[in-house]
Structures are given as structure tokens and as C-alpha cells.
Protein backbone atom coordinates (compact mmCIF):
# COMPACT_ATOMS: atom_id res chain seq x y z
CA MET A 1 40.64 77.43 97.31
CA GLY A 2 39.80 77.76 100.61
CA PRO A 3 38.64 74.94 103.20
CA ASP A 4 34.70 75.97 102.44
CA GLY A 5 35.57 75.92 98.57
CA SER A 6 35.32 79.70 97.54
CA LEU A 7 38.60 80.87 95.01
CA ARG A 8 41.32 82.33 96.55
CA PRO A 9 43.40 84.17 93.64
CA GLU A 10 45.20 85.98 96.19
CA GLY A 11 47.52 82.88 96.80
CA ILE A 12 48.75 83.43 93.23
CA PRO A 13 51.20 86.00 93.53
CA ALA A 14 53.01 83.22 96.41
CA LEU A 15 52.08 80.05 94.56
CA CYS A 16 53.89 82.23 91.38
CA THR A 17 56.82 83.11 93.66
CA PHE A 18 57.03 79.36 94.50
CA LEU A 19 57.50 77.98 91.23
CA VAL A 20 59.76 80.61 90.12
CA ASN A 21 62.22 80.18 93.00
CA ASN A 22 62.02 76.29 92.00
CA GLY A 23 63.11 76.47 88.47
CA VAL A 24 59.80 76.20 86.75
CA LYS A 25 59.69 77.90 83.41
CA GLY A 26 55.26 78.31 83.29
CA ALA A 27 51.98 77.93 84.70
CA PHE A 28 49.16 76.40 82.05
CA VAL A 29 46.22 78.16 83.99
CA CYS A 30 42.84 77.22 84.87
CA GLY A 31 43.90 73.39 83.48
CA SER A 32 43.19 70.24 85.37
CA THR A 33 45.21 70.69 88.48
CA GLY A 34 43.58 74.34 88.23
CA GLU A 35 40.22 72.57 88.68
CA GLY A 36 39.83 75.14 85.71
CA PRO A 37 35.98 72.72 84.50
CA SER A 38 34.82 72.77 88.94
CA LEU A 39 34.99 77.70 88.69
CA THR A 40 32.81 79.53 86.68
CA LEU A 41 32.77 81.45 83.97
CA GLU A 42 33.59 84.35 85.77
CA GLU A 43 35.52 82.31 88.64
CA LYS A 44 37.89 81.75 85.33
CA LYS A 45 38.62 85.43 83.70
CA ARG A 46 39.87 86.17 88.22
CA VAL A 47 42.80 83.26 87.71
CA MET A 48 43.31 83.95 84.52
CA ALA A 49 44.37 87.94 85.55
CA ALA A 50 45.53 87.43 88.59
CA TRP A 51 47.78 84.91 86.57
CA ALA A 52 48.12 88.02 84.21
CA GLU A 53 49.37 90.72 86.88
CA THR A 54 51.32 88.25 88.58
CA ALA A 55 53.40 86.60 86.31
CA PRO A 56 57.23 87.50 86.23
CA ALA A 57 59.15 88.83 82.88
CA GLY A 58 59.85 85.44 81.08
CA PHE A 59 57.43 83.03 83.28
CA ALA A 60 54.47 82.04 80.37
CA THR A 61 50.79 81.63 81.10
CA ILE A 62 48.78 79.15 78.65
CA ALA A 63 45.40 79.49 80.00
CA LEU A 64 42.58 76.96 79.36
CA LEU A 65 40.06 78.18 77.50
CA GLY A 66 38.27 74.23 77.76
CA GLY A 67 36.43 72.91 75.50
CA ASP A 68 32.47 71.82 75.01
CA CYS A 69 30.93 75.08 74.91
CA ALA A 70 32.10 78.01 72.12
CA ARG A 71 31.23 80.72 73.50
CA ASP A 72 31.96 80.57 76.83
CA ALA A 73 36.13 79.97 75.11
CA ARG A 74 36.16 82.66 72.91
CA THR A 75 34.98 84.76 75.79
CA LEU A 76 37.71 83.30 77.77
CA MET A 77 39.87 83.81 75.04
CA ARG A 78 39.01 87.22 74.47
CA HIS A 79 39.13 87.83 77.97
CA ALA A 80 42.74 86.58 78.27
CA ARG A 81 43.63 88.62 75.51
CA GLN A 82 42.61 91.78 77.41
CA CYS A 83 44.30 90.86 80.97
CA GLY A 84 47.88 90.08 79.42
CA ILE A 85 47.62 86.44 78.92
CA GLN A 86 50.63 84.41 76.91
CA ALA A 87 48.60 82.28 75.19
CA ALA A 88 45.98 80.50 75.12
CA ALA A 89 44.32 75.99 75.07
CA ILE A 90 41.58 74.63 73.38
CA VAL A 91 39.87 71.04 74.77
CA ALA A 92 38.00 68.40 72.45
CA PRO A 93 34.93 68.83 73.80
CA ALA A 94 33.14 65.77 75.60
CA TYR A 95 29.87 65.95 76.77
CA PHE A 96 29.24 65.87 72.43
CA PRO A 97 31.97 64.35 71.56
CA LEU A 98 33.44 65.19 67.14
CA ALA A 99 33.11 62.28 64.98
CA SER A 100 36.07 63.34 63.15
CA VAL A 101 39.41 65.14 62.67
CA GLU A 102 38.16 67.19 60.43
CA ALA A 103 35.48 68.62 62.98
CA LEU A 104 37.71 69.51 65.60
CA VAL A 105 40.30 71.58 63.38
CA ASP A 106 36.87 73.14 62.84
CA TYR A 107 35.67 73.50 66.11
CA CYS A 108 38.51 74.72 66.95
CA ILE A 109 39.30 77.82 64.58
CA GLU A 110 35.72 79.19 64.85
CA ILE A 111 36.39 79.22 68.69
CA ALA A 112 40.92 80.90 67.80
CA ALA A 113 38.95 83.13 65.85
CA ALA A 114 37.50 85.36 68.99
CA GLU A 115 42.05 86.31 69.33
CA PRO A 116 43.00 85.80 65.87
CA GLY A 117 46.93 86.85 67.06
CA MET A 118 47.10 85.28 69.95
CA PRO A 119 49.14 81.87 70.19
CA VAL A 120 46.98 78.92 70.28
CA TYR A 121 47.58 75.21 72.00
CA TYR A 122 45.37 72.46 71.33
CA TYR A 123 45.47 70.35 74.84
CA HIS A 124 45.64 66.69 72.92
CA ILE A 125 44.29 64.48 76.20
CA PRO A 126 41.80 61.74 75.36
CA VAL A 127 41.75 60.26 78.63
CA LEU A 128 39.04 62.93 79.45
CA THR A 129 37.96 64.41 76.60
CA GLY A 130 37.58 61.04 74.70
CA ALA A 131 39.09 62.39 71.52
CA HIS A 132 41.60 59.53 70.21
CA PHE A 133 42.35 61.17 67.06
CA SER A 134 46.18 61.68 65.70
CA MET A 135 47.48 65.21 66.19
CA ARG A 136 49.60 63.92 63.52
CA THR A 137 46.93 63.86 60.75
CA PHE A 138 45.48 67.32 63.14
CA LEU A 139 48.35 69.15 62.53
CA GLU A 140 47.67 68.06 58.71
CA CYS A 141 44.06 68.97 58.08
CA ALA A 142 44.95 72.27 60.87
CA HIS A 143 48.28 73.62 58.78
CA GLY A 144 47.62 76.48 56.01
CA ARG A 145 43.82 76.97 57.55
CA PHE A 146 44.25 77.68 61.98
CA PRO A 147 47.09 81.00 60.96
CA ASN A 148 47.68 81.32 65.34
CA LEU A 149 47.78 77.24 66.29
CA ALA A 150 50.94 77.65 68.28
CA GLY A 151 51.52 73.72 68.61
CA ILE A 152 49.97 70.74 71.46
CA LYS A 153 49.47 69.87 74.52
CA PHE A 154 50.00 65.86 73.50
CA THR A 155 48.79 64.44 77.58
CA HIS A 156 48.57 60.89 76.02
CA GLU A 157 50.56 57.73 75.72
CA ASP A 158 51.51 57.42 72.14
CA LEU A 159 55.72 57.99 71.01
CA MET A 160 55.17 58.03 67.77
CA ASP A 161 52.19 59.97 67.62
CA PHE A 162 54.25 62.86 69.50
CA LYS A 163 57.82 62.54 67.53
CA SER A 164 55.69 63.06 64.62
CA CYS A 165 54.21 65.80 65.82
CA MET A 166 57.52 67.23 66.22
CA ASP A 167 58.65 66.83 63.21
CA PHE A 168 56.01 67.89 60.95
CA ALA A 169 56.35 70.60 58.83
CA ALA A 170 60.70 71.16 60.20
CA GLY A 171 59.88 71.38 63.13
CA ARG A 172 56.76 74.48 63.15
CA TYR A 173 54.57 73.16 65.80
CA ASN A 174 55.79 73.31 69.83
CA ILE A 175 55.21 70.25 70.59
CA LEU A 176 55.01 70.30 75.25
CA TRP A 177 54.84 66.87 77.09
CA GLY A 178 52.05 65.96 79.30
CA ARG A 179 52.97 62.53 80.57
CA ASP A 180 55.34 63.42 83.80
CA GLU A 181 56.13 59.47 84.48
CA VAL A 182 57.95 59.36 80.99
CA LEU A 183 58.76 62.30 80.49
CA LEU A 184 62.13 60.86 79.93
CA ALA A 185 60.96 58.26 76.89
CA ALA A 186 59.91 62.11 75.42
CA LEU A 187 63.09 63.37 75.79
CA SER A 188 64.86 61.03 73.97
CA MET A 189 61.88 62.01 70.87
CA GLY A 190 63.40 65.45 71.18
CA ALA A 191 60.86 67.01 73.66
CA LYS A 192 61.69 70.36 74.23
CA GLY A 193 59.46 71.73 76.86
CA ALA A 194 56.03 69.68 79.31
CA VAL A 195 54.11 70.23 81.05
CA GLY A 196 52.56 68.35 84.02
CA SER A 197 50.89 68.82 87.71
CA THR A 198 53.60 66.90 89.82
CA TYR A 199 56.58 69.73 88.58
CA ASN A 200 54.50 72.06 90.89
CA TYR A 201 55.73 70.42 93.74
CA ALA A 202 59.02 68.45 92.74
CA ALA A 203 60.09 70.56 90.29
CA PRO A 204 64.03 70.36 91.88
CA LEU A 205 63.48 66.16 90.64
CA TYR A 206 62.81 66.70 86.98
CA LEU A 207 65.63 69.41 86.44
CA ARG A 208 68.09 67.12 87.59
CA LEU A 209 66.22 64.24 85.27
CA ILE A 210 66.96 66.48 82.66
CA ALA A 211 69.92 67.96 83.28
CA ALA A 212 70.99 63.97 83.51
CA PHE A 213 69.36 63.32 80.28
CA GLU A 214 71.75 66.10 78.30
CA ALA A 215 74.43 65.42 80.05
CA GLY A 216 74.64 62.08 78.70
CA LYS A 217 74.31 60.27 82.54
CA LEU A 218 71.54 58.32 80.96
CA ASP A 219 71.68 55.85 84.21
CA GLU A 220 70.91 58.64 86.14
CA ALA A 221 68.11 59.85 84.05
CA ALA A 222 67.02 56.53 84.32
CA ARG A 223 66.96 56.35 87.90
CA LEU A 224 66.02 59.95 88.71
CA GLN A 225 62.48 58.68 86.26
CA GLN A 226 61.61 56.03 88.81
CA GLN A 227 61.86 58.32 91.33
CA ALA A 228 58.81 60.32 90.15
CA ILE A 229 57.22 56.35 89.13
CA ALA A 230 57.48 55.73 92.77
CA PHE A 231 55.33 59.14 93.17
CA ILE A 232 53.33 59.01 91.07
CA ARG A 233 51.81 56.05 91.83
CA LEU A 234 50.63 57.60 95.05
CA LEU A 235 48.54 58.92 93.28
CA GLN A 236 47.66 57.33 91.02
CA GLN A 237 46.19 55.46 94.09
CA TYR A 238 44.79 58.33 96.87
CA GLY A 239 43.64 60.30 93.33
CA MET A 240 43.72 63.79 92.13
CA ALA A 241 43.29 65.18 95.21
CA ALA A 242 46.26 64.04 96.88
CA GLY A 243 48.10 66.63 94.70
CA LYS A 244 47.52 70.05 97.17
CA VAL A 245 48.71 66.98 99.85
CA PHE A 246 51.73 67.50 97.77
CA MET A 247 51.95 70.60 98.39
CA GLN A 248 50.60 71.01 101.73
CA TYR A 249 53.86 68.63 101.90
CA VAL A 250 55.95 71.41 100.45
CA GLY A 251 55.14 73.84 102.55
CA MET A 252 51.83 75.34 99.74
CA ASP A 253 48.90 74.80 101.32
CA CYS A 254 46.02 75.37 97.96
CA GLY A 255 43.27 74.88 100.23
CA THR A 256 40.49 71.53 98.82
CA PHE A 257 39.50 69.90 95.68
CA ARG A 258 36.02 70.74 94.89
CA PRO A 259 33.43 69.07 94.27
CA PRO A 260 32.98 66.60 92.12
CA VAL A 261 37.07 65.43 93.05
CA GLN A 262 36.87 64.40 96.90
CA ASN A 263 38.85 65.69 98.48
CA LEU A 264 41.55 63.07 100.87
CA SER A 265 40.49 61.72 104.72
CA SER A 266 42.49 62.66 107.67
CA ALA A 267 43.92 58.48 108.21
CA GLN A 268 44.00 59.32 103.51
CA SER A 269 45.79 62.50 104.62
CA ARG A 270 48.00 60.74 107.12
CA ALA A 271 48.74 57.69 105.05
CA LEU A 272 50.39 59.66 102.04
CA THR A 273 52.11 61.54 104.34
CA ALA A 274 53.33 58.62 105.94
CA ALA A 275 54.28 57.07 102.24
CA LEU A 276 56.68 60.30 101.09
CA ASP A 277 58.57 60.45 104.17
CA ALA A 278 59.01 57.11 104.36
CA MET A 279 60.29 57.38 100.13
CA ASN A 280 62.75 60.63 101.44
CA PHE A 281 60.59 63.14 99.33
CA ARG A 282 62.25 65.75 101.13
CA ASP A 283 65.14 64.65 99.44
CA PHE A 284 63.59 65.88 95.28
CA CYS A 285 60.92 67.80 96.38
CA SER A 286 60.31 71.63 95.77
CA SER A 287 61.42 74.34 98.42
CA MET A 288 59.69 76.70 100.08
CA GLU A 289 63.43 78.41 100.29
CA GLU A 290 64.67 80.82 97.77
CA GLU A 291 67.58 79.30 96.20
């Protein structure tokens, strides 16, 4: 975004290069961090097209379609497919909540049918949608009826449900972990992929955590997870808008947030920056320098 809240998709190529250079393997487009809910339909189309044009070979793109207007979501799915986005994501409607997991599956199928050949993820984030359904039950209801369902972006703390989803139908579905602060716990359950906001500016830390886990160095992995928890507490303290201060800190200016998200004051930004300095954030954050 620009300082006035205007959309600046011309900044996406630099952001994509920054992510690739820091070891990130894909982008979840128009999600919470990307302010998807604050974009108009046409703006979302522009953002999706910019990512599709920019993403290099092997870099995954998943576009969040939204959830409160099925017709808009279908329109965006067709557009995402046409411009080259690799997969779509659907979130539960929040304003008119669905009464059952069966109704949720039917709703997702209705949207996904707009492009039957495009892989679709369900975005499970009940803290925002209020859709506190078991995802294992979701898969049981969807299996055999939802041919282009690829998996779930699982942003919830229920590790039992997460593991049950991973093992369902002999691992048929790709279950992506969505809680950065407990990535290590998900890895211990067998997670193979994760999507999260803090990977934008602290990817090297998480890559070290994953490498330590895979090498059996669990004490080191736990230490690195605690480092992540420390700066995630700052996010919780200052709110979502702190994410763009983190990005400015590492040298990638993404502008300001649009309402209803409230931007940090100058004093708050300075205090957050000082806190990052105090924890030596530069020792493990993402870098503008190409490795």
C-alpha cells in the first residue's frame, strides 16, 4: 500500500524476490497479512495477476478468494485460474455463519465448481470466522464429493485434529500448518508445509528451526522456536499493523494498513523497533541481501 492506502501492485516483484532470496517457497495471496478482506474485487484481481506474472518457476501461489460472497469468490476463482495462480483458498463466511460442517462443505463445493480443474484449499481460521468445526469431519464429509479439494490451511491450535487430517485417506490431502508460534509442535506431528505471516520477515529463523528438527537437534529447535515466540509476543502486543513495521525494519517497506486495521503511531513504531533491537532481531531476520 501507498501512504494514502492506495494499492501498489508494482511493489510485488521486489517483495517476491525478497521472499525467494530468504528461502520462502510460496505466497498466500490476498490473505490477512496481504489485507485481502480490505481490497475491492478489482483490486484483488490486480494483486493476483501481479503475483502470477512475478512468481518464478517452483514458487507456489495460493489466492484467498474470500468467504462472505460466493459469487465474488467464484469470479475471483475464474480470474485466478486465467491469470496463472496455481491454487485457490476458501474461508468460511463470518457474517452469515453456517450451521453445520455439511453446510460448509456444500458452500465450498459451490465456489470450487467455478473452476473444477483448479486445486482448492479450505482456510481453517476459526478465531476469525467463528467456524469451529472439526476439520477431520470436514474431510470425511468432503471426500468423494469435492474432487478439486487439495487440502487445508490449518490455522488453529488443535493438534489432534491436525494430525487426524494429515492421516485421513492415507495422507491424500495437503494440510498446511498456520500457527508460526508452535511450528515445532506441528513438525513433530509430521507437518511438511506451513503458511504464516512471520515467514515474511523471519524466514531464516524458521529454516534453521526446521533443519535442527530434521537433524534430531530438538533442544536447538526448541530454542529457535522460543526466539520466534518472543517476537510474536510483540505482534500480539502491538496488533496486526506491527507486521508492516517488522517489514520496514528488514528493509521492505510495504506501506500502511487500510482501515479497519489501525496503524501504529510514531511512538509505538519507535518502541517496537527498540524492542527488536534489544532482542537482536537482525541476527535471525530476513535480509535484503541475496544469499
